Amino acid sequence: MAMAANEIEALIKAALPDAKITVEDLAGDGDHYAANVVSEQFRGLSRVRQHQIVYAALRGRMGGELHALALQTSAPE
């Protein structure tokens, strides 16, 4: 079962309300996405911790409904 880009964005936004998020369907199949997430909550955190926060926001959908997510995260400049 595929997942829509707006669902991914909504889940991340629920966890990181200040985030600026772009989600792109890389293969047109609803399974392979790229996301860029910029949030003040990432400031001072390692890239690994930033990614863990985003994956937690997806509530276990990685590996199931969402097969692959190329993720870029950062704090605002």
C-alpha atoms as a PDB file:
ATOM      1  CA  MET A   1       0.000   0.000   0.000  1.00  0.00           C
ATOM      2  CA  ALA A   2       1.512   3.305  -1.107  1.00  0.00           C
ATOM      3  CA  MET A   3       1.586   6.552   0.824  1.00  0.00           C
ATOM      4  CA  ALA A   4       0.763  10.015  -0.545  1.00  0.00           C
ATOM      5  CA  ALA A   5       3.245  12.892  -0.292  1.00  0.00           C
ATOM      6  CA  ASN A   6       0.707  15.019   1.575  1.00  0.00           C
ATOM      7  CA  GLU A   7       0.374  12.272   4.219  1.00  0.00           C
ATOM      8  CA  ILE A   8       4.120  12.306   4.785  1.00  0.00           C
ATOM      9  CA  GLU A   9       4.103  16.078   5.056  1.00  0.00           C
ATOM     10  CA  ALA A  10       1.166  16.064   7.487  1.00  0.00           C
ATOM     11  CA  LEU A  11       2.809  13.509   9.795  1.00  0.00           C
ATOM     12  CA  ILE A  12       6.064  15.469   9.899  1.00  0.00           C
ATOM     13  CA  LYS A  13       4.211  18.774  10.377  1.00  0.00           C
ATOM     14  CA  ALA A  14       2.296  17.296  13.334  1.00  0.00           C
ATOM     15  CA  ALA A  15       5.591  16.515  15.079  1.00  0.00           C
ATOM     16  CA  LEU A  16       7.443  19.638  13.909  1.00  0.00           C
ATOM     17  CA  PRO A  17       4.837  22.408  13.527  1.00  0.00           C
ATOM     18  CA  ASP A  18       7.415  25.046  12.565  1.00  0.00           C
ATOM     19  CA  ALA A  19       8.970  22.908   9.820  1.00  0.00           C
ATOM     20  CA  LYS A  20       9.265  23.894   6.206  1.00  0.00           C
ATOM     21  CA  ILE A  21       8.798  20.627   4.317  1.00  0.00           C
ATOM     22  CA  THR A  22       9.091  19.610   0.685  1.00  0.00           C
ATOM     23  CA  VAL A  23       8.292  16.074  -0.384  1.00  0.00           C
ATOM     24  CA  GLU A  24       8.953  14.692  -3.861  1.00  0.00           C
ATOM     25  CA  ASP A  25       7.773  11.341  -5.230  1.00  0.00           C
ATOM     26  CA  LEU A  26      10.954  10.098  -6.902  1.00  0.00           C
ATOM     27  CA  ALA A  27       9.528   7.182  -8.873  1.00  0.00           C
ATOM     28  CA  GLY A  28       5.851   8.114  -9.222  1.00  0.00           C
ATOM     29  CA  ASP A  29       4.920   4.971  -7.313  1.00  0.00           C
ATOM     30  CA  GLY A  30       4.083   6.381  -3.867  1.00  0.00           C
ATOM     31  CA  ASP A  31       6.869   4.288  -2.328  1.00  0.00           C
ATOM     32  CA  HIS A  32      10.071   6.240  -3.025  1.00  0.00           C
ATOM     33  CA  TYR A  33      10.264   9.812  -1.787  1.00  0.00           C
ATOM     34  CA  ALA A  34      12.754  12.551  -1.088  1.00  0.00           C
ATOM     35  CA  ALA A  35      12.014  15.001   1.707  1.00  0.00           C
ATOM     36  CA  ASN A  36      13.693  18.188   2.834  1.00  0.00           C
ATOM     37  CA  VAL A  37      12.773  19.263   6.366  1.00  0.00           C
ATOM     38  CA  VAL A  38      13.956  22.532   7.903  1.00  0.00           C
ATOM     39  CA  SER A  39      13.054  23.122  11.549  1.00  0.00           C
ATOM     40  CA  GLU A  40      14.369  25.271  14.383  1.00  0.00           C
ATOM     41  CA  GLN A  41      13.973  22.189  16.586  1.00  0.00           C
ATOM     42  CA  PHE A  42      16.957  20.663  14.756  1.00  0.00           C
ATOM     43  CA  ARG A  43      19.353  23.407  15.874  1.00  0.00           C
ATOM     44  CA  GLY A  44      22.302  21.935  17.740  1.00  0.00           C
ATOM     45  CA  LEU A  45      21.292  18.338  17.034  1.00  0.00           C
ATOM     46  CA  SER A  46      23.349  15.838  15.077  1.00  0.00           C
ATOM     47  CA  ARG A  47      22.121  14.853  11.630  1.00  0.00           C
ATOM     48  CA  VAL A  48      21.397  11.357  12.981  1.00  0.00           C
ATOM     49  CA  ARG A  49      19.200  12.779  15.759  1.00  0.00           C
ATOM     50  CA  GLN A  50      17.394  15.035  13.258  1.00  0.00           C
ATOM     51  CA  HIS A  51      16.601  12.026  11.086  1.00  0.00           C
ATOM     52  CA  GLN A  52      15.450  10.008  14.107  1.00  0.00           C
ATOM     53  CA  ILE A  53      12.948  12.762  14.927  1.00  0.00           C
ATOM     54  CA  VAL A  54      11.541  12.674  11.384  1.00  0.00           C
ATOM     55  CA  TYR A  55      11.363   8.870  11.312  1.00  0.00           C
ATOM     56  CA  ALA A  56       9.565   8.906  14.684  1.00  0.00           C
ATOM     57  CA  ALA A  57       7.054  11.377  13.218  1.00  0.00           C
ATOM     58  CA  LEU A  58       6.256   8.829  10.488  1.00  0.00           C
ATOM     59  CA  ARG A  59       4.929   6.499  13.205  1.00  0.00           C
ATOM     60  CA  GLY A  60       6.323   3.197  11.983  1.00  0.00           C
ATOM     61  CA  ARG A  61       5.359   3.609   8.332  1.00  0.00           C
ATOM     62  CA  MET A  62       8.965   3.354   7.105  1.00  0.00           C
ATOM     63  CA  GLY A  63       9.532  -0.080   5.614  1.00  0.00           C
ATOM     64  CA  GLY A  64       5.795  -0.660   5.256  1.00  0.00           C
ATOM     65  CA  GLU A  65       3.606   1.907   3.525  1.00  0.00           C
ATOM     66  CA  LEU A  66       6.694   3.999   2.840  1.00  0.00           C
ATOM     67  CA  HIS A  67       9.471   1.959   1.261  1.00  0.00           C
ATOM     68  CA  ALA A  68      12.219   4.575   0.859  1.00  0.00           C
ATOM     69  CA  LEU A  69      12.780   8.145   1.988  1.00  0.00           C
ATOM     70  CA  ALA A  70      15.843  10.150   0.978  1.00  0.00           C
ATOM     71  CA  LEU A  71      15.946  12.630   3.821  1.00  0.00           C
ATOM     72  CA  GLN A  72      17.688  15.988   4.181  1.00  0.00           C
ATOM     73  CA  THR A  73      17.269  17.898   7.427  1.00  0.00           C
ATOM     74  CA  SER A  74      18.612  21.177   8.783  1.00  0.00           C
ATOM     75  CA  ALA A  75      17.927  24.119  11.044  1.00  0.00           C
ATOM     76  CA  PRO A  76      16.994  27.405   9.360  1.00  0.00           C
ATOM     77  CA  GLU A  77      19.913  29.608   8.323  1.00  0.00           C
END
